[in-house]
Structure formats: C-alpha cells, structure tokens
Amino acid sequence: MNIQIRKAFREDCPRILTLVKELAAFEKHPDKVTVTLKHFEESGFGVHPVWWAYLATIQDDNKNEYIAGFALYFVRYSTWKGQLMFLEDILITEHLRGKGMGKLLFERLIEEAKEKQFSGIIWQVLDWNEKAISFYKKYNAKFNPEWVNASIEFPQ
C-alpha cells in the first residue's frame, strides 16, 4: 500500500468533514457535528485560517488518490509555555486502521510542531478509547487526570 502524508487543501474539505462525522459517530455523538462545509473551508483556508491539517492518502491501481485519514490541529497559547499545537482530531477511516497511517500522521505532526518551534503538542482522548491511549503511550504521552474539561456552547 502506497501511503502518502500531505497537507490538506481547500478541495479536501468535503472528505475531511465526512471523516469528522465518522469520528463523531465513533465517539457516540453522530448528531453533534453542526459546522457547515462553508464555515469549515473558511476556517481552514480563508483570509485568517485557524486550523491546519495533514492527510493520509493511498492510491488505487489506477493511481487515484483516496483520503484515508486526517490530523487537524490549531495553535493554542499557554501563558506558561507559549505556543503549543493542539491536536483537535486524528482519524483513520475504520476499514484502513492498523496499517501504520496513524503513526505516519502523528509523526508528521511532531515534525511540524518542532519546525514551528511549538513548546509541545496537547490533545484530549476519551477515557474509554483504549486503543488510542495505547497508541499515545508509545510516544511517552503524559495523561493528566487533574484537569476537568469545561465548555459553553452557543446555539447556531
């Protein structure tokens, strides 16, 4: 399998958003994705982008590219640490998991964070997602049970 990791482009947004919905279903919240394609595209590729992404792609026998997964991040600022990469989502479509694509994506994010001189990478993982937790432990990730997530949502 010919796996490539590349930056996302505006024209990739419909497929990325499909994968976002797949992730939401996996996380048991299939109806929580409310972002529109237009807003998603503008947020990543408008005048002032707020997110960036890498894609894991494969080619079929006819050399057609298929987006199998993505990793989307934004810059978070810490008054203690400075700029950090916040990994919002990483997903490989279910039928292609276990082929090393997630590893390639994650390692590309590590390179990107170092290139941009971020002070680190942070993310969240659901406590029941044992496969993801096991994956992150391979990178010596630290898990912090001390902090509690909080949010306020506004109706669209």
N, C-alpha and C. Protein backbone atom coordinates (compact mmCIF):
# COMPACT_ATOMS: atom_id res chain seq x y z
N MET A 1 0.85 -1.18 0.00
CA MET A 1 0.00 0.00 0.00
C MET A 1 0.89 1.24 0.00
N ASN A 2 0.64 2.13 -0.93
CA ASN A 2 1.41 3.36 -1.07
C ASN A 2 0.76 4.47 -0.25
N ILE A 3 1.26 4.69 0.95
CA ILE A 3 0.71 5.70 1.85
C ILE A 3 1.51 6.99 1.70
N GLN A 4 0.81 8.08 1.53
CA GLN A 4 1.44 9.40 1.47
C GLN A 4 0.83 10.29 2.55
N ILE A 5 1.66 11.15 3.12
CA ILE A 5 1.17 12.15 4.07
C ILE A 5 1.39 13.50 3.39
N ARG A 6 0.33 14.27 3.32
CA ARG A 6 0.44 15.59 2.69
C ARG A 6 -0.44 16.59 3.41
N LYS A 7 -0.15 17.87 3.16
CA LYS A 7 -1.00 18.93 3.72
C LYS A 7 -2.37 18.91 3.05
N ALA A 8 -3.36 19.32 3.79
CA ALA A 8 -4.71 19.42 3.26
C ALA A 8 -4.86 20.70 2.44
N PHE A 9 -5.73 20.64 1.45
CA PHE A 9 -6.09 21.79 0.62
C PHE A 9 -7.60 22.02 0.72
N ARG A 10 -8.04 23.19 0.31
CA ARG A 10 -9.46 23.54 0.39
C ARG A 10 -10.34 22.47 -0.25
N GLU A 11 -9.93 21.96 -1.39
CA GLU A 11 -10.76 20.97 -2.09
C GLU A 11 -10.88 19.64 -1.34
N ASP A 12 -10.07 19.45 -0.31
CA ASP A 12 -10.15 18.24 0.52
C ASP A 12 -11.22 18.36 1.60
N CYS A 13 -11.74 19.54 1.82
CA CYS A 13 -12.65 19.77 2.95
C CYS A 13 -13.88 18.88 2.96
N PRO A 14 -14.54 18.62 1.83
CA PRO A 14 -15.71 17.73 1.92
C PRO A 14 -15.35 16.34 2.47
N ARG A 15 -14.22 15.79 2.04
CA ARG A 15 -13.82 14.47 2.54
C ARG A 15 -13.40 14.54 4.01
N ILE A 16 -12.69 15.59 4.38
CA ILE A 16 -12.29 15.74 5.79
C ILE A 16 -13.54 15.82 6.67
N LEU A 17 -14.52 16.59 6.23
CA LEU A 17 -15.74 16.73 7.01
C LEU A 17 -16.49 15.39 7.12
N THR A 18 -16.45 14.59 6.08
CA THR A 18 -17.02 13.24 6.15
C THR A 18 -16.30 12.42 7.21
N LEU A 19 -14.98 12.53 7.26
CA LEU A 19 -14.20 11.81 8.27
C LEU A 19 -14.47 12.35 9.67
N VAL A 20 -14.70 13.66 9.79
CA VAL A 20 -15.06 14.25 11.09
C VAL A 20 -16.37 13.62 11.57
N LYS A 21 -17.32 13.45 10.66
CA LYS A 21 -18.60 12.83 11.02
C LYS A 21 -18.41 11.36 11.39
N GLU A 22 -17.49 10.68 10.72
CA GLU A 22 -17.18 9.30 11.10
C GLU A 22 -16.61 9.25 12.52
N LEU A 23 -15.74 10.21 12.84
CA LEU A 23 -15.17 10.28 14.19
C LEU A 23 -16.27 10.54 15.22
N ALA A 24 -17.17 11.46 14.90
CA ALA A 24 -18.26 11.77 15.84
C ALA A 24 -19.12 10.53 16.10
N ALA A 25 -19.37 9.75 15.07
CA ALA A 25 -20.14 8.52 15.25
C ALA A 25 -19.37 7.53 16.12
N PHE A 26 -18.06 7.40 15.88
CA PHE A 26 -17.23 6.52 16.70
C PHE A 26 -17.24 6.95 18.16
N GLU A 27 -17.26 8.27 18.40
CA GLU A 27 -17.26 8.80 19.75
C GLU A 27 -18.67 8.87 20.36
N LYS A 28 -19.62 8.26 19.67
CA LYS A 28 -21.00 8.11 20.15
C LYS A 28 -21.79 9.43 20.17
N HIS A 29 -21.41 10.34 19.28
CA HIS A 29 -22.13 11.62 19.16
C HIS A 29 -22.34 11.98 17.68
N PRO A 30 -23.02 11.13 16.92
CA PRO A 30 -23.14 11.37 15.49
C PRO A 30 -23.89 12.64 15.10
N ASP A 31 -24.71 13.15 15.98
CA ASP A 31 -25.51 14.34 15.67
C ASP A 31 -24.89 15.64 16.16
N LYS A 32 -23.70 15.59 16.73
CA LYS A 32 -23.08 16.78 17.31
C LYS A 32 -22.31 17.63 16.30
N VAL A 33 -22.02 17.11 15.11
CA VAL A 33 -21.29 17.88 14.11
C VAL A 33 -22.27 18.84 13.44
N THR A 34 -22.10 20.14 13.73
CA THR A 34 -23.02 21.14 13.18
C THR A 34 -22.33 22.14 12.26
N VAL A 35 -21.01 22.06 12.15
CA VAL A 35 -20.29 23.00 11.30
C VAL A 35 -20.69 22.78 9.84
N THR A 36 -20.86 23.88 9.12
CA THR A 36 -21.17 23.78 7.69
C THR A 36 -19.88 23.64 6.89
N LEU A 37 -20.00 23.12 5.70
CA LEU A 37 -18.83 22.99 4.83
C LEU A 37 -18.22 24.37 4.55
N LYS A 38 -19.06 25.36 4.31
CA LYS A 38 -18.56 26.71 4.02
C LYS A 38 -17.74 27.25 5.20
N HIS A 39 -18.28 27.11 6.41
CA HIS A 39 -17.57 27.60 7.59
C HIS A 39 -16.27 26.83 7.81
N PHE A 40 -16.33 25.52 7.61
CA PHE A 40 -15.16 24.67 7.74
C PHE A 40 -14.06 25.11 6.77
N GLU A 41 -14.44 25.31 5.51
CA GLU A 41 -13.47 25.73 4.49
C GLU A 41 -12.87 27.10 4.82
N GLU A 42 -13.71 28.05 5.19
CA GLU A 42 -13.21 29.39 5.50
C GLU A 42 -12.31 29.38 6.73
N SER A 43 -12.62 28.53 7.69
CA SER A 43 -11.81 28.46 8.91
C SER A 43 -10.43 27.88 8.65
N GLY A 44 -10.31 27.05 7.63
CA GLY A 44 -9.02 26.45 7.31
C GLY A 44 -8.29 27.10 6.16
N PHE A 45 -9.04 27.76 5.26
CA PHE A 45 -8.40 28.26 4.04
C PHE A 45 -8.84 29.68 3.67
N GLY A 46 -9.45 30.37 4.60
CA GLY A 46 -9.86 31.76 4.37
C GLY A 46 -8.69 32.71 4.59
N VAL A 47 -9.01 33.97 4.76
CA VAL A 47 -8.02 35.02 4.95
C VAL A 47 -7.20 34.80 6.21
N HIS A 48 -7.86 34.36 7.28
CA HIS A 48 -7.18 34.12 8.56
C HIS A 48 -7.46 32.69 9.02
N PRO A 49 -6.74 31.71 8.48
CA PRO A 49 -7.01 30.33 8.87
C PRO A 49 -6.74 30.10 10.36
N VAL A 50 -7.56 29.27 10.96
CA VAL A 50 -7.39 28.94 12.38
C VAL A 50 -7.08 27.47 12.58
N TRP A 51 -7.11 26.67 11.53
CA TRP A 51 -6.72 25.27 11.64
C TRP A 51 -5.91 24.86 10.41
N TRP A 52 -5.13 23.79 10.62
CA TRP A 52 -4.31 23.20 9.57
C TRP A 52 -4.45 21.70 9.68
N ALA A 53 -4.22 21.00 8.58
CA ALA A 53 -4.39 19.55 8.63
C ALA A 53 -3.41 18.84 7.70
N TYR A 54 -3.12 17.62 8.08
CA TYR A 54 -2.38 16.69 7.24
C TYR A 54 -3.30 15.53 6.92
N LEU A 55 -3.10 14.97 5.74
CA LEU A 55 -3.91 13.85 5.28
C LEU A 55 -3.05 12.62 5.06
N ALA A 56 -3.62 11.47 5.34
CA ALA A 56 -3.02 10.19 4.95
C ALA A 56 -3.78 9.74 3.72
N THR A 57 -3.07 9.55 2.63
CA THR A 57 -3.71 9.15 1.38
C THR A 57 -3.11 7.85 0.87
N ILE A 58 -3.91 7.14 0.10
CA ILE A 58 -3.44 5.95 -0.60
C ILE A 58 -3.88 6.06 -2.05
N GLN A 59 -3.24 5.28 -2.91
CA GLN A 59 -3.61 5.26 -4.32
C GLN A 59 -4.16 3.89 -4.68
N ASP A 60 -5.19 3.91 -5.54
CA ASP A 60 -5.70 2.64 -6.03
C ASP A 60 -4.86 2.22 -7.25
N ASP A 61 -5.23 1.13 -7.86
CA ASP A 61 -4.47 0.61 -9.00
C ASP A 61 -4.43 1.57 -10.18
N ASN A 62 -5.42 2.45 -10.26
CA ASN A 62 -5.47 3.43 -11.36
C ASN A 62 -4.82 4.75 -10.99
N LYS A 63 -4.08 4.77 -9.88
CA LYS A 63 -3.37 5.97 -9.40
C LYS A 63 -4.31 7.06 -8.91
N ASN A 64 -5.55 6.73 -8.59
CA ASN A 64 -6.48 7.68 -8.00
C ASN A 64 -6.19 7.78 -6.51
N GLU A 65 -6.15 9.01 -6.01
CA GLU A 65 -5.87 9.24 -4.59
C GLU A 65 -7.13 9.07 -3.77
N TYR A 66 -6.98 8.43 -2.61
CA TYR A 66 -8.08 8.26 -1.67
C TYR A 66 -7.61 8.78 -0.31
N ILE A 67 -8.36 9.71 0.28
CA ILE A 67 -8.03 10.24 1.60
C ILE A 67 -8.54 9.26 2.64
N ALA A 68 -7.59 8.62 3.33
CA ALA A 68 -7.92 7.57 4.29
C ALA A 68 -7.98 8.09 5.72
N GLY A 69 -7.38 9.24 5.97
CA GLY A 69 -7.38 9.78 7.32
C GLY A 69 -6.86 11.20 7.36
N PHE A 70 -6.97 11.81 8.53
CA PHE A 70 -6.53 13.19 8.69
C PHE A 70 -6.12 13.45 10.13
N ALA A 71 -5.33 14.48 10.29
CA ALA A 71 -4.99 15.03 11.60
C ALA A 71 -5.14 16.54 11.47
N LEU A 72 -5.99 17.12 12.30
CA LEU A 72 -6.28 18.55 12.24
C LEU A 72 -5.85 19.20 13.55
N TYR A 73 -5.13 20.32 13.42
CA TYR A 73 -4.64 20.99 14.62
C TYR A 73 -4.84 22.50 14.51
N PHE A 74 -4.72 23.15 15.65
CA PHE A 74 -4.68 24.61 15.71
C PHE A 74 -3.62 25.00 16.73
N VAL A 75 -3.32 26.29 16.78
CA VAL A 75 -2.32 26.79 17.72
C VAL A 75 -3.03 27.24 18.99
N ARG A 76 -2.56 26.75 20.09
CA ARG A 76 -3.07 27.15 21.40
C ARG A 76 -1.96 27.91 22.11
N TYR A 77 -2.33 28.93 22.84
CA TYR A 77 -1.33 29.71 23.55
C TYR A 77 -1.44 29.45 25.05
N SER A 78 -0.32 29.15 25.66
CA SER A 78 -0.24 28.96 27.11
C SER A 78 0.60 30.08 27.70
N THR A 79 0.08 30.73 28.72
CA THR A 79 0.87 31.78 29.38
C THR A 79 2.09 31.20 30.06
N TRP A 80 2.07 29.90 30.31
CA TRP A 80 3.22 29.24 30.95
C TRP A 80 4.21 28.71 29.93
N LYS A 81 3.72 28.23 28.78
CA LYS A 81 4.57 27.51 27.83
C LYS A 81 4.72 28.19 26.47
N GLY A 82 3.90 29.18 26.17
CA GLY A 82 3.93 29.78 24.83
C GLY A 82 3.04 29.00 23.88
N GLN A 83 3.42 28.98 22.61
CA GLN A 83 2.59 28.33 21.60
C GLN A 83 2.73 26.80 21.65
N LEU A 84 1.58 26.15 21.59
CA LEU A 84 1.50 24.70 21.55
C LEU A 84 0.63 24.29 20.37
N MET A 85 0.89 23.12 19.85
CA MET A 85 -0.01 22.54 18.86
C MET A 85 -1.12 21.83 19.62
N PHE A 86 -2.36 22.14 19.30
CA PHE A 86 -3.48 21.41 19.87
C PHE A 86 -4.03 20.50 18.79
N LEU A 87 -3.88 19.22 18.99
CA LEU A 87 -4.39 18.23 18.04
C LEU A 87 -5.88 18.06 18.31
N GLU A 88 -6.68 18.62 17.44
CA GLU A 88 -8.13 18.57 17.62
C GLU A 88 -8.67 17.18 17.29
N ASP A 89 -8.27 16.65 16.15
CA ASP A 89 -8.75 15.33 15.73
C ASP A 89 -7.68 14.61 14.93
N ILE A 90 -7.63 13.31 15.12
CA ILE A 90 -6.83 12.43 14.26
C ILE A 90 -7.68 11.19 14.04
N LEU A 91 -7.81 10.79 12.79
CA LEU A 91 -8.65 9.64 12.47
C LEU A 91 -8.17 8.98 11.20
N ILE A 92 -8.15 7.66 11.23
CA ILE A 92 -8.01 6.85 10.03
C ILE A 92 -9.34 6.14 9.85
N THR A 93 -9.88 6.18 8.64
CA THR A 93 -11.17 5.54 8.41
C THR A 93 -11.11 4.07 8.85
N GLU A 94 -12.20 3.60 9.40
CA GLU A 94 -12.20 2.34 10.14
C GLU A 94 -11.60 1.16 9.38
N HIS A 95 -11.97 0.97 8.13
CA HIS A 95 -11.52 -0.22 7.41
C HIS A 95 -10.03 -0.19 7.02
N LEU A 96 -9.36 0.94 7.27
CA LEU A 96 -7.93 1.04 6.93
C LEU A 96 -7.04 1.21 8.16
N ARG A 97 -7.60 1.05 9.34
CA ARG A 97 -6.80 1.18 10.56
C ARG A 97 -5.84 -0.01 10.69
N GLY A 98 -4.76 0.23 11.42
CA GLY A 98 -3.81 -0.85 11.67
C GLY A 98 -2.76 -1.03 10.59
N LYS A 99 -2.66 -0.08 9.66
CA LYS A 99 -1.70 -0.17 8.57
C LYS A 99 -0.56 0.84 8.69
N GLY A 100 -0.49 1.54 9.84
CA GLY A 100 0.59 2.47 10.08
C GLY A 100 0.32 3.91 9.68
N MET A 101 -0.86 4.20 9.17
CA MET A 101 -1.17 5.57 8.74
C MET A 101 -1.24 6.54 9.91
N GLY A 102 -1.85 6.12 11.00
CA GLY A 102 -1.94 6.98 12.18
C GLY A 102 -0.57 7.34 12.71
N LYS A 103 0.33 6.38 12.72
CA LYS A 103 1.71 6.61 13.15
C LYS A 103 2.39 7.64 12.25
N LEU A 104 2.22 7.48 10.93
CA LEU A 104 2.82 8.44 10.00
C LEU A 104 2.25 9.85 10.19
N LEU A 105 0.94 9.94 10.38
CA LEU A 105 0.32 11.25 10.61
C LEU A 105 0.83 11.88 11.90
N PHE A 106 0.85 11.10 12.97
CA PHE A 106 1.26 11.62 14.26
C PHE A 106 2.73 12.07 14.22
N GLU A 107 3.56 11.29 13.59
CA GLU A 107 4.97 11.66 13.48
C GLU A 107 5.17 12.89 12.61
N ARG A 108 4.31 13.09 11.61
CA ARG A 108 4.39 14.32 10.82
C ARG A 108 3.98 15.52 11.66
N LEU A 109 3.01 15.35 12.55
CA LEU A 109 2.62 16.43 13.45
C LEU A 109 3.77 16.78 14.39
N ILE A 110 4.47 15.78 14.89
CA ILE A 110 5.62 16.03 15.77
C ILE A 110 6.67 16.85 15.02
N GLU A 111 6.95 16.47 13.77
CA GLU A 111 7.90 17.24 12.95
C GLU A 111 7.43 18.69 12.78
N GLU A 112 6.16 18.86 12.46
CA GLU A 112 5.60 20.19 12.25
C GLU A 112 5.72 21.04 13.52
N ALA A 113 5.40 20.45 14.66
CA ALA A 113 5.49 21.18 15.93
C ALA A 113 6.93 21.61 16.21
N LYS A 114 7.87 20.75 15.91
CA LYS A 114 9.28 21.10 16.11
C LYS A 114 9.73 22.16 15.11
N GLU A 115 9.31 22.03 13.85
CA GLU A 115 9.66 23.02 12.83
C GLU A 115 9.14 24.40 13.20
N LYS A 116 7.95 24.47 13.76
CA LYS A 116 7.33 25.75 14.13
C LYS A 116 7.73 26.20 15.52
N GLN A 117 8.60 25.44 16.15
CA GLN A 117 9.12 25.74 17.48
C GLN A 117 8.02 25.88 18.53
N PHE A 118 6.98 25.05 18.40
CA PHE A 118 5.96 24.98 19.44
C PHE A 118 6.60 24.32 20.66
N SER A 119 6.07 24.61 21.82
CA SER A 119 6.63 24.02 23.04
C SER A 119 6.11 22.61 23.30
N GLY A 120 5.21 22.12 22.47
CA GLY A 120 4.71 20.76 22.62
C GLY A 120 3.42 20.56 21.85
N ILE A 121 2.86 19.38 22.03
CA ILE A 121 1.57 19.02 21.42
C ILE A 121 0.66 18.57 22.56
N ILE A 122 -0.57 19.04 22.53
CA ILE A 122 -1.55 18.60 23.51
C ILE A 122 -2.81 18.14 22.78
N TRP A 123 -3.57 17.28 23.42
CA TRP A 123 -4.80 16.77 22.85
C TRP A 123 -5.63 16.15 23.96
N GLN A 124 -6.83 15.75 23.59
CA GLN A 124 -7.70 15.04 24.51
C GLN A 124 -8.00 13.67 23.93
N VAL A 125 -8.23 12.71 24.81
CA VAL A 125 -8.62 11.37 24.38
C VAL A 125 -9.67 10.87 25.36
N LEU A 126 -10.69 10.25 24.84
CA LEU A 126 -11.74 9.72 25.70
C LEU A 126 -11.20 8.57 26.54
N ASP A 127 -11.61 8.54 27.80
CA ASP A 127 -11.04 7.55 28.73
C ASP A 127 -11.37 6.11 28.34
N TRP A 128 -12.38 5.88 27.52
CA TRP A 128 -12.74 4.53 27.11
C TRP A 128 -12.04 4.10 25.83
N ASN A 129 -11.34 5.01 25.18
CA ASN A 129 -10.69 4.70 23.90
C ASN A 129 -9.31 4.09 24.15
N GLU A 130 -9.32 2.84 24.57
CA GLU A 130 -8.10 2.16 24.99
C GLU A 130 -7.08 2.02 23.86
N LYS A 131 -7.54 1.82 22.63
CA LYS A 131 -6.60 1.70 21.51
C LYS A 131 -5.84 3.01 21.31
N ALA A 132 -6.55 4.13 21.38
CA ALA A 132 -5.89 5.43 21.23
C ALA A 132 -4.92 5.69 22.38
N ILE A 133 -5.34 5.38 23.58
CA ILE A 133 -4.48 5.60 24.75
C ILE A 133 -3.21 4.76 24.62
N SER A 134 -3.36 3.53 24.19
CA SER A 134 -2.21 2.66 23.99
C SER A 134 -1.29 3.22 22.91
N PHE A 135 -1.87 3.74 21.84
CA PHE A 135 -1.10 4.36 20.76
C PHE A 135 -0.27 5.53 21.30
N TYR A 136 -0.90 6.41 22.07
CA TYR A 136 -0.20 7.59 22.59
C TYR A 136 0.87 7.22 23.60
N LYS A 137 0.66 6.16 24.34
CA LYS A 137 1.66 5.73 25.31
C LYS A 137 2.97 5.35 24.64
N LYS A 138 2.91 4.91 23.39
CA LYS A 138 4.13 4.57 22.64
C LYS A 138 5.02 5.79 22.44
N TYR A 139 4.43 6.97 22.55
CA TYR A 139 5.17 8.23 22.40
C TYR A 139 5.48 8.86 23.75
N ASN A 140 5.32 8.10 24.81
CA ASN A 140 5.55 8.57 26.17
C ASN A 140 4.67 9.76 26.53
N ALA A 141 3.45 9.76 26.02
CA ALA A 141 2.50 10.83 26.33
C ALA A 141 2.18 10.82 27.82
N LYS A 142 1.99 12.00 28.36
CA LYS A 142 1.58 12.15 29.76
C LYS A 142 0.07 12.37 29.79
N PHE A 143 -0.59 11.67 30.69
CA PHE A 143 -2.04 11.80 30.84
C PHE A 143 -2.30 12.51 32.17
N ASN A 144 -3.13 13.55 32.12
CA ASN A 144 -3.33 14.38 33.30
C ASN A 144 -4.77 14.25 33.80
N PRO A 145 -4.98 13.47 34.85
CA PRO A 145 -6.34 13.31 35.38
C PRO A 145 -6.78 14.48 36.26
N GLU A 146 -5.89 15.43 36.48
CA GLU A 146 -6.16 16.53 37.40
C GLU A 146 -7.13 17.56 36.82
N TRP A 147 -7.11 17.76 35.50
CA TRP A 147 -7.92 18.80 34.88
C TRP A 147 -9.26 18.25 34.41
N VAL A 148 -10.29 19.04 34.53
CA VAL A 148 -11.63 18.68 34.09
C VAL A 148 -11.99 19.57 32.90
N ASN A 149 -12.50 18.97 31.85
CA ASN A 149 -12.92 19.74 30.68
C ASN A 149 -14.17 20.57 31.04
N ALA A 150 -14.22 21.75 30.51
CA ALA A 150 -15.39 22.62 30.69
C ALA A 150 -15.67 23.33 29.38
N SER A 151 -16.93 23.65 29.10
CA SER A 151 -17.25 24.35 27.87
C SER A 151 -18.59 25.05 28.01
N ILE A 152 -18.79 26.01 27.15
CA ILE A 152 -20.08 26.68 26.98
C ILE A 152 -20.37 26.62 25.48
N GLU A 153 -21.56 26.20 25.13
CA GLU A 153 -21.92 26.14 23.72
C GLU A 153 -23.03 27.16 23.44
N PHE A 154 -22.97 27.74 22.27
CA PHE A 154 -23.98 28.70 21.83
C PHE A 154 -24.76 28.12 20.67
N PRO A 155 -26.07 28.21 20.69
CA PRO A 155 -26.87 27.67 19.58
C PRO A 155 -26.53 28.39 18.28
N GLN A 156 -26.53 27.64 17.22
CA GLN A 156 -26.23 28.21 15.90
C GLN A 156 -27.48 28.68 15.21
